[in-house]
N, C-alpha and C. Protein backbone atom coordinates (compact mmCIF):
# COMPACT_ATOMS: atom_id res chain seq x y z
N UNK A 1 -54.94 43.21 104.98
CA UNK A 1 -54.03 42.21 104.38
C UNK A 1 -52.60 42.72 104.81
N UNK A 2 -51.81 41.80 105.53
CA UNK A 2 -50.60 42.14 106.02
C UNK A 2 -49.47 42.36 104.91
N UNK A 3 -48.76 43.39 105.05
CA UNK A 3 -47.78 43.72 104.18
C UNK A 3 -46.24 43.49 104.69
N UNK A 4 -45.35 42.86 103.79
CA UNK A 4 -44.01 42.53 104.05
C UNK A 4 -43.43 43.73 103.42
N UNK A 5 -42.65 44.56 104.34
CA UNK A 5 -41.61 45.53 103.87
C UNK A 5 -40.22 44.92 103.92
N UNK A 6 -39.66 45.05 102.78
CA UNK A 6 -38.44 44.20 102.73
C UNK A 6 -37.26 45.37 102.25
N UNK A 7 -36.54 45.74 103.29
CA UNK A 7 -35.62 46.77 103.23
C UNK A 7 -34.17 46.08 102.71
N UNK A 8 -33.55 46.47 101.50
CA UNK A 8 -32.45 45.64 100.98
C UNK A 8 -31.19 46.79 100.96
N UNK A 9 -30.04 46.42 101.59
CA UNK A 9 -29.06 47.38 101.51
C UNK A 9 -27.72 46.71 101.14
N UNK A 10 -27.09 47.18 100.25
CA UNK A 10 -25.61 46.68 100.03
C UNK A 10 -24.71 47.07 100.97
N UNK A 11 -23.80 46.08 101.23
CA UNK A 11 -22.87 46.36 102.28
C UNK A 11 -22.11 47.70 102.24
N UNK A 12 -21.34 48.37 103.29
CA UNK A 12 -20.58 49.47 103.16
C UNK A 12 -19.32 49.27 102.49
N UNK A 13 -18.77 50.24 102.23
CA UNK A 13 -17.40 50.53 101.09
C UNK A 13 -16.39 49.63 102.03
N UNK A 14 -15.94 48.59 101.36
CA UNK A 14 -14.72 47.65 101.72
C UNK A 14 -13.30 48.24 101.20
N UNK A 15 -12.38 47.71 102.03
CA UNK A 15 -10.92 47.92 101.43
C UNK A 15 -10.72 46.64 100.64
N UNK A 16 -9.35 46.58 100.30
CA UNK A 16 -9.00 45.43 99.39
C UNK A 16 -8.94 44.16 100.18
N UNK A 17 -8.96 44.05 101.48
CA UNK A 17 -9.07 42.91 102.15
C UNK A 17 -10.49 42.57 102.55
N UNK A 18 -11.56 43.20 102.07
CA UNK A 18 -12.97 43.24 102.34
C UNK A 18 -13.31 43.55 103.55
N UNK A 19 -12.59 44.44 104.35
CA UNK A 19 -13.11 44.97 105.61
C UNK A 19 -13.43 46.36 105.33
N UNK A 20 -14.27 46.88 106.22
CA UNK A 20 -14.80 48.25 106.01
C UNK A 20 -13.86 49.29 106.00
N UNK A 21 -13.80 50.35 105.08
CA UNK A 21 -12.83 51.30 105.18
C UNK A 21 -13.52 52.40 106.21
N UNK A 22 -12.78 53.36 106.73
CA UNK A 22 -13.42 54.48 107.63
C UNK A 22 -14.63 54.96 106.84
N UNK A 23 -14.69 55.25 105.58
CA UNK A 23 -15.95 55.81 104.82
C UNK A 23 -16.90 54.77 105.07
N UNK A 24 -16.59 53.55 104.87
CA UNK A 24 -17.60 52.47 104.91
C UNK A 24 -18.26 52.35 106.36
N UNK A 25 -17.50 52.54 107.33
CA UNK A 25 -18.09 52.61 108.70
C UNK A 25 -19.06 53.77 108.92
N UNK A 26 -18.64 54.84 108.39
CA UNK A 26 -19.74 56.08 108.38
C UNK A 26 -20.98 55.63 107.76
N UNK A 27 -20.80 55.13 106.55
CA UNK A 27 -21.91 54.85 105.62
C UNK A 27 -22.99 53.88 106.45
N UNK A 28 -22.32 52.85 107.13
CA UNK A 28 -23.02 51.90 107.92
C UNK A 28 -23.83 52.60 108.86
N UNK A 29 -23.09 53.28 109.74
CA UNK A 29 -23.69 54.15 110.78
C UNK A 29 -24.88 55.01 110.46
N UNK A 30 -24.79 55.64 109.22
CA UNK A 30 -25.62 56.62 108.71
C UNK A 30 -26.88 55.81 108.38
N UNK A 31 -26.68 54.63 107.68
CA UNK A 31 -27.87 53.90 107.26
C UNK A 31 -28.66 53.42 108.63
N UNK A 32 -27.77 53.01 109.52
CA UNK A 32 -28.58 52.52 110.77
C UNK A 32 -29.49 53.70 111.27
N UNK A 33 -28.87 54.94 111.33
CA UNK A 33 -29.71 55.88 111.95
C UNK A 33 -30.94 56.26 111.28
N UNK A 34 -30.90 56.14 109.81
CA UNK A 34 -31.98 56.14 108.91
C UNK A 34 -33.14 55.26 109.35
N UNK A 35 -32.58 53.91 109.65
CA UNK A 35 -33.60 52.92 109.98
C UNK A 35 -34.12 52.85 111.18
N UNK A 36 -33.53 53.54 112.03
CA UNK A 36 -33.62 53.50 113.50
C UNK A 36 -35.04 53.71 113.89
N UNK A 37 -35.93 54.44 113.34
CA UNK A 37 -37.31 54.80 113.71
C UNK A 37 -38.20 53.53 113.22
N UNK A 38 -37.79 52.74 112.47
CA UNK A 38 -38.74 51.75 111.90
C UNK A 38 -38.85 50.46 112.65
N UNK A 39 -39.97 49.91 112.71
CA UNK A 39 -40.29 48.75 113.66
C UNK A 39 -39.67 47.32 112.93
N UNK A 40 -38.33 47.54 112.78
CA UNK A 40 -37.66 46.21 112.19
C UNK A 40 -37.96 45.03 112.92
N UNK A 41 -38.14 43.73 112.34
CA UNK A 41 -38.38 42.63 113.00
C UNK A 41 -37.20 41.78 112.88
N UNK A 42 -36.56 42.15 111.90
CA UNK A 42 -35.30 41.29 111.84
C UNK A 42 -34.03 41.85 110.88
N UNK A 43 -32.76 41.50 111.24
CA UNK A 43 -31.78 42.04 110.44
C UNK A 43 -31.12 40.74 109.81
N UNK A 44 -30.85 40.42 108.63
CA UNK A 44 -30.11 39.31 107.90
C UNK A 44 -28.92 39.99 107.12
N UNK A 45 -27.84 39.33 107.29
CA UNK A 45 -26.67 39.51 106.64
C UNK A 45 -26.03 38.36 105.73
N UNK A 46 -25.17 38.49 104.76
CA UNK A 46 -24.45 37.47 104.34
C UNK A 46 -23.22 37.24 105.14
N UNK A 47 -22.40 36.15 104.77
CA UNK A 47 -21.24 35.84 105.81
C UNK A 47 -20.04 36.46 105.40
N UNK A 48 -19.85 37.27 104.56
CA UNK A 48 -18.63 37.96 104.25
C UNK A 48 -18.37 38.84 105.10
N UNK A 49 -16.98 39.28 105.64
CA UNK A 49 -16.60 40.30 106.47
C UNK A 49 -17.50 41.62 106.31
N UNK A 50 -17.63 42.08 105.03
CA UNK A 50 -18.01 43.39 104.78
C UNK A 50 -19.49 43.59 104.95
N UNK A 51 -20.26 42.29 104.81
CA UNK A 51 -21.64 42.33 105.17
C UNK A 51 -21.92 42.28 106.65
N UNK A 52 -21.20 41.46 107.34
CA UNK A 52 -21.14 41.17 108.88
C UNK A 52 -21.01 42.40 109.55
N UNK A 53 -19.88 43.16 109.16
CA UNK A 53 -19.57 44.50 109.72
C UNK A 53 -20.52 45.44 109.46
N UNK A 54 -20.98 45.60 108.36
CA UNK A 54 -22.19 46.56 108.09
C UNK A 54 -23.28 46.26 108.99
N UNK A 55 -23.78 45.17 108.89
CA UNK A 55 -25.10 44.76 109.67
C UNK A 55 -24.88 44.93 111.27
N UNK A 56 -23.67 44.74 111.85
CA UNK A 56 -23.29 45.06 113.00
C UNK A 56 -23.41 46.63 113.43
N UNK A 57 -22.82 47.41 112.57
CA UNK A 57 -22.86 48.78 112.75
C UNK A 57 -24.43 49.41 112.72
N UNK A 58 -25.18 48.82 111.60
CA UNK A 58 -26.55 49.29 111.67
C UNK A 58 -27.33 48.69 112.89
N UNK A 59 -27.10 47.69 113.21
CA UNK A 59 -27.67 47.05 114.45
C UNK A 59 -27.51 47.92 115.53
N UNK A 60 -26.42 48.50 115.82
CA UNK A 60 -25.96 49.07 116.86
C UNK A 60 -26.75 50.59 117.10
N UNK A 61 -27.24 50.88 115.88
CA UNK A 61 -28.27 52.11 115.92
C UNK A 61 -29.68 51.70 116.06
N UNK A 62 -30.03 50.62 116.00
CA UNK A 62 -31.49 50.00 116.13
C UNK A 62 -31.94 49.95 117.51
N UNK A 63 -30.85 49.77 118.35
CA UNK A 63 -31.40 49.18 119.76
C UNK A 63 -31.39 47.82 119.90
N UNK A 64 -31.56 47.35 121.19
CA UNK A 64 -31.79 46.01 121.49
C UNK A 64 -33.13 45.55 121.09
N UNK A 65 -33.13 44.28 120.72
CA UNK A 65 -34.28 43.43 120.53
C UNK A 65 -34.55 43.17 119.26
N UNK A 66 -33.63 43.73 118.25
CA UNK A 66 -33.69 43.27 116.88
C UNK A 66 -32.84 42.10 116.62
N UNK A 67 -33.24 40.90 116.23
CA UNK A 67 -32.22 39.92 116.11
C UNK A 67 -31.63 40.07 114.82
N UNK A 68 -30.31 39.74 114.74
CA UNK A 68 -29.30 39.67 113.56
C UNK A 68 -28.73 38.29 113.22
N UNK A 69 -29.12 37.83 112.06
CA UNK A 69 -28.84 36.51 111.52
C UNK A 69 -27.79 36.65 110.30
N UNK A 70 -27.02 35.74 110.31
CA UNK A 70 -26.14 35.45 109.19
C UNK A 70 -26.72 34.38 108.29
N UNK A 71 -27.07 34.43 107.11
CA UNK A 71 -27.62 33.74 106.13
C UNK A 71 -26.96 33.55 104.87
N UNK A 72 -26.56 32.37 104.45
CA UNK A 72 -26.05 32.19 103.06
C UNK A 72 -26.88 32.97 101.89
N UNK A 73 -28.06 32.95 102.03
CA UNK A 73 -28.95 33.39 100.90
C UNK A 73 -28.81 34.92 100.84
N UNK A 74 -28.30 35.56 101.82
CA UNK A 74 -28.04 37.14 101.79
C UNK A 74 -26.46 37.25 101.30
N UNK A 75 -25.83 36.30 100.90
CA UNK A 75 -24.33 36.35 100.48
C UNK A 75 -24.28 36.76 99.15
N UNK A 76 -22.96 36.67 98.61
CA UNK A 76 -22.41 37.16 97.31
C UNK A 76 -22.48 36.02 96.34
N UNK A 77 -23.21 35.95 95.49
CA UNK A 77 -23.44 34.93 94.59
C UNK A 77 -24.04 35.35 93.22
N UNK A 78 -23.93 34.51 92.19
CA UNK A 78 -24.25 34.93 90.89
C UNK A 78 -25.79 33.97 90.89
N UNK A 79 -26.82 34.83 90.86
CA UNK A 79 -28.09 34.06 91.02
C UNK A 79 -28.53 33.43 89.80
N UNK A 80 -28.19 33.88 88.57
CA UNK A 80 -28.70 33.28 87.63
C UNK A 80 -27.68 33.41 86.24
N UNK A 81 -27.35 32.30 85.61
CA UNK A 81 -26.57 32.41 84.56
C UNK A 81 -27.51 32.12 83.26
N UNK A 82 -27.95 33.07 82.44
CA UNK A 82 -28.88 32.51 81.31
C UNK A 82 -28.05 31.83 80.14
N UNK A 83 -28.89 31.24 79.45
CA UNK A 83 -28.50 30.54 78.05
C UNK A 83 -28.48 31.87 77.16
N UNK A 84 -27.70 31.71 76.06
CA UNK A 84 -27.81 32.85 75.22
C UNK A 84 -29.13 33.26 74.62
N UNK A 85 -30.04 32.05 74.43
CA UNK A 85 -31.47 32.34 73.85
C UNK A 85 -32.31 33.14 74.94
N UNK A 86 -31.90 33.38 76.14
CA UNK A 86 -32.55 34.05 77.08
C UNK A 86 -32.41 35.46 76.94
N UNK A 87 -31.28 35.95 76.44
CA UNK A 87 -30.84 37.17 76.62
C UNK A 87 -31.16 38.02 75.10
N UNK A 88 -31.74 39.11 75.15
CA UNK A 88 -31.99 40.03 74.06
C UNK A 88 -30.63 40.06 73.35
N UNK A 89 -30.75 39.82 71.84
CA UNK A 89 -29.70 39.77 70.93
C UNK A 89 -28.77 41.03 71.13
N UNK A 90 -29.48 42.15 71.37
CA UNK A 90 -28.51 43.54 71.44
C UNK A 90 -27.52 43.32 72.70
N UNK A 91 -28.00 42.64 73.69
CA UNK A 91 -27.03 42.51 74.95
C UNK A 91 -26.23 41.07 75.04
N UNK A 92 -26.53 40.05 74.09
CA UNK A 92 -26.11 38.81 74.25
C UNK A 92 -24.59 38.70 74.55
N UNK A 93 -23.77 39.28 73.65
CA UNK A 93 -22.34 39.32 73.81
C UNK A 93 -21.73 39.84 75.02
N UNK A 94 -22.47 41.00 75.57
CA UNK A 94 -21.86 41.57 76.75
C UNK A 94 -22.09 40.67 77.90
N UNK A 95 -23.30 40.24 77.99
CA UNK A 95 -23.76 39.15 79.03
C UNK A 95 -22.92 38.07 79.18
N UNK A 96 -22.92 37.49 78.14
CA UNK A 96 -21.97 36.26 77.98
C UNK A 96 -20.56 36.44 78.39
N UNK A 97 -19.95 37.56 77.94
CA UNK A 97 -18.69 37.84 78.21
C UNK A 97 -18.44 38.01 79.72
N UNK A 98 -19.54 38.94 80.44
CA UNK A 98 -19.38 39.07 81.74
C UNK A 98 -19.52 38.04 82.78
N UNK A 99 -20.24 36.98 82.36
CA UNK A 99 -20.43 35.70 83.15
C UNK A 99 -19.67 34.48 82.46
N UNK A 100 -18.78 34.84 81.75
CA UNK A 100 -18.03 33.74 81.11
C UNK A 100 -17.10 33.02 82.11
N UNK A 101 -16.77 33.54 83.22
CA UNK A 101 -15.77 32.89 84.36
C UNK A 101 -16.81 32.26 85.36
N UNK A 102 -18.01 32.26 85.35
CA UNK A 102 -18.79 31.65 86.44
C UNK A 102 -18.63 29.90 86.12
N UNK A 103 -18.40 29.20 87.08
CA UNK A 103 -18.09 27.88 86.93
C UNK A 103 -19.61 27.16 87.18
N UNK A 104 -19.53 26.02 86.80
CA UNK A 104 -20.79 25.23 86.92
C UNK A 104 -21.06 24.98 88.33
N UNK A 105 -20.12 24.88 89.12
CA UNK A 105 -20.48 24.49 90.62
C UNK A 105 -20.96 25.96 91.11
N UNK A 106 -20.47 26.97 90.79
CA UNK A 106 -20.77 28.35 91.10
C UNK A 106 -22.40 28.76 90.62
N UNK A 107 -22.55 28.31 89.26
CA UNK A 107 -23.87 28.44 88.86
C UNK A 107 -24.88 27.53 89.58
N UNK A 108 -24.55 26.48 89.86
CA UNK A 108 -25.70 25.51 90.66
C UNK A 108 -25.78 26.15 92.16
N UNK A 109 -24.80 26.59 92.83
CA UNK A 109 -24.89 27.07 94.06
C UNK A 109 -25.62 28.33 94.12
N UNK A 110 -25.27 29.18 93.23
CA UNK A 110 -25.93 30.55 93.24
C UNK A 110 -27.32 30.29 92.81
N UNK A 111 -27.93 29.38 91.94
CA UNK A 111 -29.36 29.25 91.68
C UNK A 111 -29.91 28.74 92.99
N UNK A 112 -29.32 27.78 93.68
CA UNK A 112 -29.90 27.44 94.83
C UNK A 112 -30.09 28.50 95.81
N UNK A 113 -29.00 29.26 96.09
CA UNK A 113 -29.16 30.39 97.03
C UNK A 113 -30.35 31.52 96.48
N UNK A 114 -30.23 31.72 95.36
CA UNK A 114 -31.28 32.73 94.68
C UNK A 114 -32.79 32.21 94.86
N UNK A 115 -32.93 30.84 94.73
CA UNK A 115 -34.20 30.39 94.94
C UNK A 115 -34.55 30.45 96.61
N UNK A 116 -33.73 30.21 97.32
CA UNK A 116 -33.75 30.37 98.89
C UNK A 116 -34.21 31.96 99.17
N UNK A 117 -33.56 32.97 98.51
CA UNK A 117 -33.69 34.29 98.70
C UNK A 117 -35.35 34.60 98.55
N UNK A 118 -35.85 34.04 97.29
CA UNK A 118 -37.16 34.44 97.09
C UNK A 118 -38.05 33.73 98.16
N UNK A 119 -37.93 32.39 98.31
CA UNK A 119 -38.60 31.88 99.34
C UNK A 119 -38.73 32.46 100.71
N UNK A 120 -37.51 32.98 101.00
CA UNK A 120 -37.67 33.56 102.40
C UNK A 120 -38.11 35.03 102.45
N UNK A 121 -37.83 35.98 101.44
CA UNK A 121 -38.25 37.23 101.41
C UNK A 121 -39.14 37.75 100.54
N UNK A 122 -39.36 37.12 99.41
CA UNK A 122 -40.02 37.76 98.30
C UNK A 122 -41.60 37.32 98.35
N UNK A 123 -42.46 37.64 99.33
CA UNK A 123 -43.80 37.28 99.36
C UNK A 123 -44.52 38.04 100.51
N UNK A 124 -45.88 37.90 100.56
CA UNK A 124 -46.62 38.66 101.60
C UNK A 124 -46.41 37.87 102.80
N UNK A 125 -46.56 38.79 104.02
CA UNK A 125 -46.31 38.46 105.13
C UNK A 125 -47.46 37.43 105.82
N UNK A 126 -47.34 36.22 106.32
CA UNK A 126 -48.29 35.38 106.76
C UNK A 126 -48.85 36.22 108.01
N UNK A 127 -50.14 35.84 108.16
CA UNK A 127 -50.78 36.44 109.57
C UNK A 127 -51.53 37.89 109.08
N UNK A 128 -51.80 38.61 110.19
CA UNK A 128 -52.51 39.95 110.14
C UNK A 128 -51.80 41.15 110.23
N UNK A 129 -50.41 41.11 110.81
CA UNK A 129 -49.58 42.02 111.01
C UNK A 129 -48.58 42.41 110.03
N UNK A 130 -48.23 43.76 109.53
CA UNK A 130 -47.31 43.95 108.75
C UNK A 130 -45.93 43.70 109.32
N UNK A 131 -44.93 43.52 108.70
CA UNK A 131 -43.54 43.18 109.02
C UNK A 131 -42.59 44.15 108.46
N UNK A 132 -41.41 44.17 108.95
CA UNK A 132 -40.25 44.94 108.27
C UNK A 132 -39.11 44.12 108.57
N UNK A 133 -38.34 43.83 107.46
CA UNK A 133 -37.12 43.07 107.36
C UNK A 133 -36.05 43.82 106.66
N UNK A 134 -34.81 43.62 107.32
CA UNK A 134 -33.70 44.33 106.67
C UNK A 134 -32.77 43.15 106.30
N UNK A 135 -32.32 43.18 105.13
CA UNK A 135 -31.20 42.33 104.48
C UNK A 135 -29.80 43.13 103.81
N UNK A 136 -28.95 42.92 104.80
CA UNK A 136 -27.56 43.66 104.32
C UNK A 136 -26.93 42.61 103.48
N UNK A 137 -26.64 43.07 102.06
CA UNK A 137 -26.47 41.97 101.22
C UNK A 137 -25.61 42.54 100.11
N UNK A 138 -25.48 41.96 98.96
CA UNK A 138 -24.56 42.50 97.73
C UNK A 138 -25.39 42.81 96.62
N UNK A 139 -24.73 43.35 95.70
CA UNK A 139 -25.42 44.10 94.56
C UNK A 139 -26.16 42.96 93.72
N UNK A 140 -25.61 41.95 93.43
CA UNK A 140 -26.25 40.97 92.62
C UNK A 140 -27.48 40.44 93.30
N UNK A 141 -27.42 40.17 94.48
CA UNK A 141 -28.76 39.75 95.29
C UNK A 141 -29.77 40.74 95.29
N UNK A 142 -29.51 41.96 95.51
CA UNK A 142 -30.44 42.92 95.49
C UNK A 142 -30.97 43.23 94.01
N UNK A 143 -30.18 43.10 92.91
CA UNK A 143 -30.73 43.04 91.69
C UNK A 143 -31.76 42.00 91.50
N UNK A 144 -31.45 40.75 91.98
CA UNK A 144 -32.02 39.45 91.81
C UNK A 144 -33.50 39.62 92.47
N UNK A 145 -33.64 40.13 93.58
CA UNK A 145 -34.81 40.20 94.34
C UNK A 145 -35.66 41.52 93.61
N UNK A 146 -35.13 42.46 93.22
CA UNK A 146 -35.82 43.64 92.52
C UNK A 146 -36.42 43.04 91.18
N UNK A 147 -35.59 42.29 90.37
CA UNK A 147 -36.05 41.80 89.10
C UNK A 147 -37.33 40.82 89.31
N UNK A 148 -37.18 40.15 90.34
CA UNK A 148 -38.36 39.10 90.80
C UNK A 148 -39.54 39.96 91.11
N UNK A 149 -39.52 40.98 91.80
CA UNK A 149 -40.57 41.65 92.20
C UNK A 149 -41.21 42.37 90.93
N UNK A 150 -40.44 42.71 90.05
CA UNK A 150 -40.96 43.26 88.83
C UNK A 150 -41.45 42.27 87.92
N UNK A 151 -41.21 40.93 88.07
CA UNK A 151 -41.59 39.96 87.24
C UNK A 151 -40.82 39.96 85.88
N UNK A 152 -39.68 40.57 85.95
CA UNK A 152 -38.83 40.63 84.72
C UNK A 152 -38.07 39.16 84.42
N UNK A 153 -37.61 39.03 83.08
CA UNK A 153 -36.86 37.86 82.90
C UNK A 153 -35.79 37.58 83.95
N UNK A 154 -35.57 36.49 84.24
CA UNK A 154 -34.30 36.12 85.29
C UNK A 154 -33.00 36.63 84.87
N UNK A 155 -32.57 36.92 83.63
CA UNK A 155 -31.22 37.39 83.58
C UNK A 155 -31.31 38.98 83.51
N UNK A 156 -32.53 39.60 84.01
CA UNK A 156 -32.45 40.99 84.18
C UNK A 156 -32.18 41.59 85.40
N UNK A 157 -31.59 40.49 86.39
CA UNK A 157 -30.98 41.06 87.67
C UNK A 157 -29.46 41.72 87.12
N UNK A 158 -28.95 41.53 86.10
CA UNK A 158 -27.93 42.17 85.38
C UNK A 158 -28.26 43.80 85.25
N UNK A 159 -27.44 44.77 85.50
CA UNK A 159 -27.77 46.15 85.25
C UNK A 159 -28.51 46.77 86.36
N UNK A 160 -28.83 46.15 87.52
CA UNK A 160 -29.61 46.77 88.49
C UNK A 160 -28.46 46.86 89.59
N UNK A 161 -27.60 47.92 89.46
CA UNK A 161 -26.44 48.27 90.34
C UNK A 161 -26.92 48.92 91.68
N UNK A 162 -26.18 48.86 92.77
CA UNK A 162 -26.46 49.54 93.90
C UNK A 162 -25.24 50.13 94.58
N UNK A 163 -25.18 51.23 95.08
CA UNK A 163 -23.99 51.85 95.65
C UNK A 163 -23.87 51.26 97.34
N UNK A 164 -22.85 51.52 97.80
CA UNK A 164 -22.57 50.90 99.17
C UNK A 164 -23.61 51.75 100.02
N UNK A 165 -24.30 50.82 100.84
CA UNK A 165 -25.41 51.13 101.69
C UNK A 165 -26.69 52.06 101.26
N UNK A 166 -26.51 51.87 99.96
CA UNK A 166 -27.76 52.23 99.28
C UNK A 166 -29.12 51.56 99.80
N UNK A 167 -30.26 52.22 99.85
CA UNK A 167 -31.57 51.31 100.27
C UNK A 167 -32.49 51.20 99.08
N UNK A 168 -32.84 49.96 99.06
CA UNK A 168 -34.08 49.57 98.22
C UNK A 168 -34.91 49.01 99.17
N UNK A 169 -36.33 49.29 98.74
CA UNK A 169 -37.51 48.88 99.56
C UNK A 169 -38.38 48.37 98.86
N UNK A 170 -38.78 47.04 99.04
CA UNK A 170 -39.87 46.38 98.28
C UNK A 170 -41.01 46.03 99.24
N UNK A 171 -42.15 46.11 98.65
CA UNK A 171 -43.36 45.65 99.42
C UNK A 171 -44.18 44.65 98.80
N UNK A 172 -44.55 43.53 99.67
CA UNK A 172 -45.34 42.51 99.19
C UNK A 172 -46.72 42.40 99.80
N UNK A 173 -47.60 42.37 99.22
CA UNK A 173 -48.93 41.99 99.89
C UNK A 173 -49.73 40.93 99.17
N UNK A 174 -50.80 40.27 99.72
CA UNK A 174 -51.46 39.19 99.10
C UNK A 174 -52.40 39.72 97.99
N UNK A 175 -52.82 40.99 97.98
CA UNK A 175 -53.95 41.46 97.23
C UNK A 175 -53.65 42.43 96.24
N UNK A 176 -52.24 42.49 95.93
CA UNK A 176 -51.62 43.46 94.85
C UNK A 176 -50.27 42.89 94.42
N UNK A 177 -49.90 43.52 93.28
CA UNK A 177 -48.44 42.96 92.84
C UNK A 177 -47.37 43.64 93.64
N UNK A 178 -46.25 42.87 93.61
CA UNK A 178 -45.05 43.49 94.53
C UNK A 178 -44.87 44.96 93.99
N UNK A 179 -44.45 45.76 94.82
CA UNK A 179 -44.11 47.10 94.62
C UNK A 179 -42.61 47.36 94.98
N UNK A 180 -41.97 48.16 94.11
CA UNK A 180 -40.59 48.70 94.23
C UNK A 180 -40.76 50.12 94.73
N UNK A 181 -40.64 50.27 96.28
CA UNK A 181 -41.07 51.65 96.76
C UNK A 181 -39.86 52.51 96.52
N UNK A 182 -38.56 52.07 96.53
CA UNK A 182 -37.40 52.79 96.58
C UNK A 182 -36.34 51.89 95.92
N UNK A 183 -35.51 52.51 95.35
CA UNK A 183 -34.36 51.88 94.54
C UNK A 183 -33.18 52.62 94.62
N UNK A 184 -32.08 52.13 95.25
CA UNK A 184 -30.89 52.57 95.20
C UNK A 184 -30.64 54.05 95.86
N UNK A 185 -31.60 54.34 96.80
CA UNK A 185 -31.63 55.56 97.60
C UNK A 185 -30.44 55.83 98.44
N UNK A 186 -29.80 56.83 98.23
CA UNK A 186 -28.68 57.35 99.15
C UNK A 186 -28.89 58.66 99.88
N UNK A 187 -30.01 58.93 100.26
CA UNK A 187 -30.39 60.24 100.87
C UNK A 187 -29.71 60.47 102.31
N UNK A 188 -29.56 59.22 102.93
CA UNK A 188 -29.02 59.28 104.12
C UNK A 188 -27.55 59.61 104.26
N UNK A 189 -26.90 59.54 103.11
CA UNK A 189 -25.56 59.71 103.01
C UNK A 189 -25.14 61.14 102.56
N UNK A 190 -24.04 61.90 103.01
CA UNK A 190 -23.71 63.16 102.59
C UNK A 190 -22.83 62.90 101.35
N UNK A 191 -22.71 64.17 100.65
CA UNK A 191 -22.32 63.84 98.94
C UNK A 191 -20.92 63.07 99.05
N UNK A 192 -19.99 63.29 99.81
CA UNK A 192 -18.80 62.72 99.86
C UNK A 192 -18.81 60.95 99.95
N UNK A 193 -20.12 60.64 100.62
CA UNK A 193 -20.13 59.26 100.75
C UNK A 193 -21.12 58.34 99.72
N UNK A 194 -21.59 59.15 98.75
CA UNK A 194 -22.44 58.51 97.72
C UNK A 194 -21.80 58.03 96.75
N UNK A 195 -22.31 57.11 96.15
CA UNK A 195 -21.85 56.55 94.80
C UNK A 195 -20.61 55.71 94.78
N UNK A 196 -20.23 55.31 96.13
CA UNK A 196 -19.12 54.38 96.20
C UNK A 196 -19.61 52.99 95.63
N UNK A 197 -18.82 52.41 95.01
CA UNK A 197 -19.08 51.07 94.46
C UNK A 197 -19.47 51.22 92.86
N UNK A 198 -19.74 52.34 92.40
CA UNK A 198 -19.94 52.66 90.98
C UNK A 198 -18.87 53.12 90.38
N UNK A 199 -18.52 52.79 89.08
CA UNK A 199 -17.38 53.28 88.35
C UNK A 199 -17.74 54.81 88.12
N UNK A 200 -16.69 55.63 88.06
CA UNK A 200 -16.93 57.14 87.92
C UNK A 200 -18.13 57.41 86.72
N UNK A 201 -17.98 56.77 85.64
CA UNK A 201 -18.69 56.98 84.49
C UNK A 201 -20.31 56.70 84.88
N UNK A 202 -20.64 56.05 85.87
CA UNK A 202 -21.80 55.60 86.11
C UNK A 202 -22.67 56.50 87.18
N UNK A 203 -21.75 57.36 87.73
CA UNK A 203 -22.24 58.08 88.87
C UNK A 203 -23.13 59.27 88.37
N UNK A 204 -24.17 59.73 88.80
CA UNK A 204 -25.09 60.84 88.42
C UNK A 204 -25.28 61.76 89.73
């Protein structure tokens, strides 16, 4: 049975204008070097400059022949806004407050892109050969795809945070449940480049 290996990476550290900092550029290059030995079939990235620049620096380490594509489904969006009844009572107030500013238009567009992300990436590879795909994206999208792989309730994309250029790997095959092989792994980064994108109190 063919296996789809889906590599998810949050974009590198950006500055206030959304462009990569010098540290972010280093993060992206190191991620590319980590992935350079893999038989990647494709690289997709979201349309924002921080994702585009990260993907370009990663792709430069992969060598020629790996197509790089910009896709809205790899962008930065809120994938699902739950009703209060969906959320565990212990977490209802916090989740509701966090998502209170999401407009109806943003909710509809996010749901559309979230469904597209699942259709595009979350499933076994057609045919007989394994595949390896990299998506350079954002924390919400990574959380959404991980919670889908775990068959968790839709609102549980919340709380699955990722550091800049941290690597998450999902595996999909036809004969077994999806597997989360790696989550938020930063072993390719030196200590001074890890945990960017997390508040200080959430770093371990």
